[in-house]
Amino acid sequence: MYTWDRKKIGKNLRIMRVKKDLSQAELAEALGVAQGHYSNIESGKRQLSLHLLAMICEKYGVNPAEIIADIDEPSTSPGPEDEKAEV
């Protein structure tokens, strides 16, 4: 049976959130969960549910593998607000 590494997932989630310049409270509100619950996921104290994983992937525009994989720098696809006009 495969189990997810909660610490690695939390680290990846934190990296993605910081890249998007979001606080835990802002992201938790957007996902419809308590900030404390989201904080526990990022710190590896709680397991990330499949439902919440799907919501986060949709919000960031990433594949679930980018969140659950053992990678140093998960990518975040730029949303329209992140794109900068070329000069």
Protein backbone atom coordinates (compact mmCIF):
# COMPACT_ATOMS: atom_id res chain seq x y z
CA MET A 1 0.00 0.00 0.00
CA TYR A 2 1.33 3.40 -0.99
CA THR A 3 1.07 6.26 1.47
CA TRP A 4 1.74 9.88 0.68
CA ASP A 5 4.58 11.65 2.42
CA ARG A 6 2.68 14.38 4.27
CA LYS A 7 5.82 16.46 4.93
CA LYS A 8 6.83 16.54 1.25
CA ILE A 9 3.29 17.37 0.17
CA GLY A 10 3.13 20.16 2.74
CA LYS A 11 6.47 21.53 1.53
CA ASN A 12 5.29 21.49 -2.10
CA LEU A 13 2.01 23.18 -1.15
CA ARG A 14 3.84 25.90 0.76
CA ILE A 15 6.21 26.58 -2.15
CA MET A 16 3.28 26.88 -4.55
CA ARG A 17 1.31 29.13 -2.19
CA VAL A 18 4.25 31.46 -1.61
CA LYS A 19 4.94 31.67 -5.36
CA LYS A 20 1.34 32.83 -5.81
CA ASP A 21 1.83 35.39 -2.99
CA LEU A 22 -1.05 33.97 -0.96
CA SER A 23 -1.36 33.70 2.79
CA GLN A 24 -2.59 30.48 4.35
CA ALA A 25 -5.75 32.32 5.40
CA GLU A 26 -6.43 33.55 1.84
CA LEU A 27 -5.94 30.12 0.31
CA ALA A 28 -7.92 28.36 3.02
CA GLU A 29 -10.83 30.74 2.46
CA ALA A 30 -10.71 30.16 -1.31
CA LEU A 31 -10.76 26.40 -0.70
CA GLY A 32 -13.55 26.60 1.88
CA VAL A 33 -11.55 25.18 4.78
CA ALA A 34 -10.38 26.60 8.08
CA GLN A 35 -6.94 28.23 8.09
CA GLY A 36 -5.88 25.92 10.93
CA HIS A 37 -6.84 22.86 8.89
CA TYR A 38 -4.83 24.07 5.90
CA SER A 39 -1.90 24.94 8.17
CA ASN A 40 -1.91 21.39 9.52
CA ILE A 41 -1.77 20.02 5.96
CA GLU A 42 1.19 22.25 5.06
CA SER A 43 3.02 21.26 8.24
CA GLY A 44 2.41 17.56 7.58
CA LYS A 45 0.19 17.04 10.62
CA ARG A 46 -2.87 16.16 8.53
CA GLN A 47 -3.31 14.13 5.37
CA LEU A 48 -4.43 15.97 2.24
CA SER A 49 -7.79 14.64 1.03
CA LEU A 50 -8.35 13.79 -2.62
CA HIS A 51 -11.13 16.37 -2.76
CA LEU A 52 -8.87 19.14 -1.46
CA LEU A 53 -6.05 17.97 -3.73
CA ALA A 54 -8.36 18.33 -6.73
CA MET A 55 -9.44 21.81 -5.63
CA ILE A 56 -5.83 22.95 -5.15
CA CYS A 57 -4.80 21.54 -8.53
CA GLU A 58 -7.64 23.44 -10.18
CA LYS A 59 -6.74 26.67 -8.38
CA TYR A 60 -3.04 26.43 -9.30
CA GLY A 61 -3.54 24.82 -12.72
CA VAL A 62 -1.18 21.95 -11.91
CA ASN A 63 -1.19 18.17 -12.16
CA PRO A 64 -1.66 16.28 -8.86
CA ALA A 65 1.75 14.66 -9.38
CA GLU A 66 3.36 18.08 -8.96
CA ILE A 67 1.94 18.26 -5.44
CA ILE A 68 2.51 14.69 -4.27
CA ALA A 69 5.86 14.15 -6.01
CA ASP A 70 9.21 14.41 -4.29
CA ILE A 71 10.46 17.51 -6.09
CA ASP A 72 12.35 20.56 -4.92
CA GLU A 73 10.48 23.24 -6.84
CA PRO A 74 6.93 22.43 -7.91
CA SER A 75 5.78 24.59 -10.78
CA THR A 76 2.74 26.78 -10.83
CA SER A 77 1.22 27.62 -14.14
CA PRO A 78 0.84 31.37 -14.47
CA GLY A 79 -2.72 32.54 -14.31
CA PRO A 80 -3.94 35.60 -16.19
CA GLU A 81 -3.05 37.80 -13.23
CA ASP A 82 0.52 36.44 -13.22
CA GLU A 83 1.27 37.09 -16.89
CA LYS A 84 3.28 40.18 -17.59
CA ALA A 85 3.11 42.13 -20.80
CA GLU A 86 6.20 41.92 -22.95
CA VAL A 87 7.93 45.24 -23.51
